[in-house]
C-alpha cells in the first residue's frame, strides 16, 4: 500500500513539473508577446500603420487589429531599404538605395494606393530619415513625451523631469525590444520586438497592449486621418 502511495506521489510530482514547464513555455520568457490584436481587436486604437513584411511587401494594417492587407510588393531583389511612410491618406513612399540607382545614393519612390503608379522623388546623397528609426521626430510625441527602458524590462514615460513607470515587458527583459514610433495623437506607441520580428502597440499609460504584426522588417508609419502622420513626413515628399 505504501509503495502504491509513493508511486502515485512521484507521478503527481512529475505531472506538476510538466504542467509548470508547459506554462513557462507558453506564457513565460519564451513567449513574451502581448495578446494578438488580430484575434482581440482594440477598436479604441485609431488609424492605420504601414510596415514592410519579410516578403518585401508593404502592409496596411488597422492599428486596432481589425484588418491587415498587402498593398504593394516592390522588394523583388536587392537595393531596397526597409523604410516606408505614409505621405497622405492616398499615398505612401518607400526608399530605393544605391544598387538600383545609376549613382550611389538614396531616393524616395511615391506610390498611389489606388493606381499603384510610382513617382520617383529627387535622389539624395544621404539617406532619408527612416520611420521607426531612433530619430527625434519619432522619439518624441506631440505631447512632448518619450519612452525609456531599464535592464529589467520596465518602460517609463518621460516628460521634462517626470519619469513614470507604465509597463513591464513580459519575460522581464527589455534587450530584445526597441521603440519604433508614437501614434500621431500621442496616446499610443509602437515597440519593435526583434526576436520574433513583431510590432507591439502599447497605450501611453501602459494599461493596454497588443501584438499588431509578426514577420516585420524595418520600422512603422502611423496615420490618423484628420490628426496627422507619425513619424513626421520627410519634407522631400510634401
Protein backbone atom coordinates (compact mmCIF):
# COMPACT_ATOMS: atom_id res chain seq x y z
CA UNK A 1 0.00 0.00 0.00
CA UNK A 2 2.80 2.39 0.93
CA UNK A 3 4.58 1.55 -2.33
CA UNK A 4 1.47 2.43 -4.32
CA UNK A 5 1.09 5.73 -2.48
CA UNK A 6 4.76 6.53 -3.05
CA UNK A 7 4.48 5.81 -6.78
CA UNK A 8 1.31 7.90 -7.01
CA UNK A 9 3.05 10.77 -5.24
CA UNK A 10 6.01 10.61 -7.60
CA UNK A 11 3.74 10.57 -10.64
CA UNK A 12 1.78 13.54 -9.30
CA UNK A 13 5.02 15.44 -8.76
CA UNK A 14 6.17 14.71 -12.32
CA UNK A 15 2.81 15.84 -13.69
CA UNK A 16 3.06 19.10 -11.73
CA UNK A 17 6.54 19.76 -13.14
CA UNK A 18 5.31 19.09 -16.67
CA UNK A 19 2.38 21.46 -16.20
CA UNK A 20 4.70 24.15 -14.85
CA UNK A 21 7.07 23.66 -17.79
CA UNK A 22 4.16 23.99 -20.20
CA UNK A 23 3.03 27.21 -18.55
CA UNK A 24 6.54 28.66 -18.71
CA UNK A 25 6.89 27.74 -22.36
CA UNK A 26 3.51 29.16 -23.25
CA UNK A 27 3.46 32.32 -21.17
CA UNK A 28 6.97 32.87 -19.86
CA UNK A 29 10.17 34.22 -21.31
CA UNK A 30 9.97 32.07 -24.46
CA UNK A 31 6.67 33.66 -25.44
CA UNK A 32 6.58 37.24 -24.14
CA UNK A 33 4.24 38.75 -26.72
CA UNK A 34 1.08 40.63 -25.67
CA UNK A 35 -2.21 39.20 -26.98
CA UNK A 36 -2.74 39.36 -30.74
CA UNK A 37 -4.77 42.35 -31.88
CA UNK A 38 -5.89 40.31 -34.88
CA UNK A 39 -7.62 37.87 -32.53
CA UNK A 40 -8.58 40.51 -29.94
CA UNK A 41 -9.09 43.86 -31.73
CA UNK A 42 -8.99 47.10 -29.74
CA UNK A 43 -11.34 49.42 -31.59
CA UNK A 44 -10.24 52.36 -29.45
CA UNK A 45 -6.86 52.39 -31.25
CA UNK A 46 -7.27 54.78 -34.20
CA UNK A 47 -5.70 54.97 -37.63
CA UNK A 48 -3.59 52.71 -39.83
CA UNK A 49 0.02 51.56 -39.73
CA UNK A 50 2.31 50.81 -42.68
CA UNK A 51 5.24 48.40 -42.48
CA UNK A 52 7.27 46.01 -44.64
CA UNK A 53 6.82 42.29 -44.07
CA UNK A 54 9.57 39.72 -44.53
CA UNK A 55 8.49 39.11 -48.13
CA UNK A 56 9.25 42.73 -49.01
CA UNK A 57 5.60 43.75 -49.28
CA UNK A 58 4.07 46.90 -47.82
CA UNK A 59 1.27 46.06 -45.39
CA UNK A 60 -1.52 48.47 -44.44
CA UNK A 61 -2.90 47.41 -41.04
CA UNK A 62 -5.63 49.00 -38.99
CA UNK A 63 -4.00 49.83 -35.67
CA UNK A 64 -6.99 48.26 -33.91
CA UNK A 65 -6.08 44.88 -35.40
CA UNK A 66 -9.35 44.61 -37.35
CA UNK A 67 -7.64 44.07 -40.70
CA UNK A 68 -4.28 43.98 -42.48
CA UNK A 69 -3.54 43.63 -46.17
CA UNK A 70 -0.58 43.75 -48.51
CA UNK A 71 -0.94 46.80 -50.72
CA UNK A 72 2.31 46.72 -52.71
CA UNK A 73 5.31 44.41 -53.17
CA UNK A 74 8.29 46.33 -54.58
CA UNK A 75 11.12 44.38 -52.96
CA UNK A 76 11.75 41.73 -55.59
CA UNK A 77 15.53 41.98 -55.28
CA UNK A 78 18.44 43.75 -53.65
CA UNK A 79 18.67 47.51 -53.45
CA UNK A 80 15.63 48.39 -51.40
CA UNK A 81 15.56 49.57 -47.82
CA UNK A 82 13.01 48.70 -45.17
CA UNK A 83 11.76 52.29 -44.94
CA UNK A 84 8.14 53.10 -45.73
CA UNK A 85 5.98 56.08 -44.79
CA UNK A 86 2.53 57.47 -45.30
CA UNK A 87 2.53 60.66 -47.36
CA UNK A 88 -1.22 61.23 -47.09
CA UNK A 89 -4.32 59.03 -46.96
CA UNK A 90 -3.96 58.11 -50.64
CA UNK A 91 -0.19 57.90 -50.99
CA UNK A 92 2.80 56.21 -49.38
CA UNK A 93 6.51 56.16 -50.18
CA UNK A 94 9.44 53.80 -49.79
CA UNK A 95 13.20 54.18 -50.18
CA UNK A 96 15.37 52.84 -53.01
CA UNK A 97 19.08 52.51 -52.28
CA UNK A 98 22.24 52.60 -54.36
CA UNK A 99 22.24 49.19 -56.15
CA UNK A 100 19.09 50.13 -58.09
CA UNK A 101 20.33 53.61 -58.98
CA UNK A 102 22.82 54.73 -61.62
CA UNK A 103 24.86 56.55 -59.00
CA UNK A 104 25.33 55.92 -55.26
CA UNK A 105 22.69 57.47 -53.07
CA UNK A 106 19.12 57.16 -51.87
CA UNK A 107 15.74 58.22 -53.18
CA UNK A 108 12.09 58.12 -52.28
CA UNK A 109 9.54 56.43 -54.53
CA UNK A 110 5.95 57.61 -54.01
CA UNK A 111 3.10 55.20 -54.75
CA UNK A 112 -0.56 56.00 -55.36
CA UNK A 113 -2.58 53.48 -53.33
CA UNK A 114 -5.42 53.27 -55.85
CA UNK A 115 -3.49 53.07 -59.13
CA UNK A 116 -0.11 51.79 -57.82
CA UNK A 117 1.54 54.40 -60.04
CA UNK A 118 5.08 55.24 -58.93
CA UNK A 119 6.69 58.68 -58.85
CA UNK A 120 10.41 59.00 -58.13
CA UNK A 121 11.43 61.84 -55.85
CA UNK A 122 14.80 63.60 -56.32
CA UNK A 123 17.71 61.45 -55.17
CA UNK A 124 19.68 62.39 -52.08
CA UNK A 125 23.31 61.79 -51.16
CA UNK A 126 22.38 60.87 -47.59
CA UNK A 127 19.61 58.50 -46.52
CA UNK A 128 16.16 59.91 -45.78
CA UNK A 129 15.00 59.79 -42.19
CA UNK A 130 13.58 56.32 -41.65
CA UNK A 131 10.20 55.99 -39.92
CA UNK A 132 10.69 53.90 -36.82
CA UNK A 133 14.41 54.63 -36.55
CA UNK A 134 15.54 56.46 -33.46
CA UNK A 135 15.45 59.96 -34.89
CA UNK A 136 13.97 62.74 -32.77
CA UNK A 137 10.87 63.03 -34.95
CA UNK A 138 9.82 59.53 -33.90
CA UNK A 139 11.12 59.53 -30.34
CA UNK A 140 9.11 62.48 -29.03
CA UNK A 141 5.32 62.52 -29.16
CA UNK A 142 3.10 65.51 -29.88
CA UNK A 143 2.71 65.68 -26.09
CA UNK A 144 6.47 66.09 -25.68
CA UNK A 145 6.85 62.63 -24.14
CA UNK A 146 9.40 59.87 -24.71
CA UNK A 147 9.68 56.21 -23.70
CA UNK A 148 12.73 54.83 -21.89
CA UNK A 149 13.70 51.30 -20.84
CA UNK A 150 15.63 49.78 -17.96
CA UNK A 151 17.56 46.45 -17.98
CA UNK A 152 14.75 44.67 -16.12
CA UNK A 153 12.25 45.34 -18.89
CA UNK A 154 10.33 48.22 -17.30
CA UNK A 155 9.11 51.00 -19.58
CA UNK A 156 8.86 54.61 -18.45
CA UNK A 157 7.04 57.61 -19.90
CA UNK A 158 9.36 60.59 -19.65
CA UNK A 159 8.38 64.25 -19.92
CA UNK A 160 10.57 67.06 -18.65
CA UNK A 161 11.69 66.00 -15.19
CA UNK A 162 8.89 63.44 -14.74
CA UNK A 163 9.55 59.71 -15.20
CA UNK A 164 6.55 57.42 -14.74
CA UNK A 165 6.79 53.62 -14.85
CA UNK A 166 3.98 52.38 -17.08
CA UNK A 167 4.65 48.83 -18.28
CA UNK A 168 6.77 45.73 -17.74
CA UNK A 169 7.75 43.69 -20.76
CA UNK A 170 6.60 40.07 -20.34
CA UNK A 171 9.64 37.98 -19.53
CA UNK A 172 11.28 40.89 -17.70
CA UNK A 173 13.95 41.63 -20.31
CA UNK A 174 13.99 44.72 -22.47
CA UNK A 175 17.06 43.81 -24.53
CA UNK A 176 15.00 42.43 -27.42
CA UNK A 177 12.67 45.41 -27.76
CA UNK A 178 13.17 48.88 -29.22
CA UNK A 179 10.99 51.93 -29.51
CA UNK A 180 9.56 52.45 -33.03
CA UNK A 181 7.13 55.38 -33.09
CA UNK A 182 4.31 57.22 -31.38
CA UNK A 183 0.79 57.48 -32.73
CA UNK A 184 0.02 60.89 -34.26
CA UNK A 185 -2.19 61.79 -31.28
CA UNK A 186 0.43 60.73 -28.73
CA UNK A 187 -1.92 58.28 -26.98
CA UNK A 188 -0.17 55.09 -28.14
CA UNK A 189 3.28 53.94 -29.15
CA UNK A 190 4.81 51.08 -31.14
CA UNK A 191 7.61 48.78 -30.00
CA UNK A 192 9.59 46.51 -32.29
CA UNK A 193 10.29 43.12 -30.68
CA UNK A 194 13.27 41.73 -32.61
CA UNK A 195 13.44 38.05 -31.56
CA UNK A 196 10.05 37.49 -33.23
CA UNK A 197 10.07 40.46 -35.64
CA UNK A 198 6.85 41.77 -34.11
CA UNK A 199 5.19 45.16 -33.71
CA UNK A 200 3.57 45.78 -30.32
CA UNK A 201 1.18 48.65 -29.62
CA UNK A 202 1.02 49.98 -26.04
CA UNK A 203 -1.09 52.78 -24.59
CA UNK A 204 0.84 55.68 -23.09
CA UNK A 205 -0.40 54.75 -19.60
CA UNK A 206 0.57 51.11 -20.12
CA UNK A 207 -2.94 49.82 -19.35
CA UNK A 208 -3.48 48.22 -22.78
CA UNK A 209 -1.11 46.36 -25.08
CA UNK A 210 -1.33 44.05 -28.08
CA UNK A 211 0.70 42.47 -30.85
CA UNK A 212 -0.18 44.03 -34.20
CA UNK A 213 2.04 42.04 -36.56
CA UNK A 214 4.82 39.48 -36.88
CA UNK A 215 7.35 38.85 -39.66
CA UNK A 216 8.04 42.59 -39.83
CA UNK A 217 11.15 44.23 -41.28
CA UNK A 218 12.10 47.85 -40.69
CA UNK A 219 10.03 50.47 -38.90
CA UNK A 220 6.45 51.67 -39.00
CA UNK A 221 4.47 54.73 -40.09
CA UNK A 222 1.16 55.65 -38.42
CA UNK A 223 -1.61 57.79 -39.89
CA UNK A 224 -4.78 59.03 -38.19
CA UNK A 225 -6.95 60.85 -40.75
CA UNK A 226 -7.62 64.38 -39.62
CA UNK A 227 -4.86 64.20 -36.99
CA UNK A 228 -1.62 63.53 -38.83
CA UNK A 229 1.22 61.13 -39.62
CA UNK A 230 3.95 59.95 -37.26
CA UNK A 231 6.92 59.99 -37.60
CA UNK A 232 6.61 63.31 -39.46
CA UNK A 233 6.78 63.00 -43.24
CA UNK A 234 10.11 63.79 -44.91
CA UNK A 235 9.99 67.31 -46.36
CA UNK A 236 11.09 65.97 -49.76
CA UNK A 237 7.75 64.15 -50.09
CA UNK A 238 5.50 67.13 -49.42
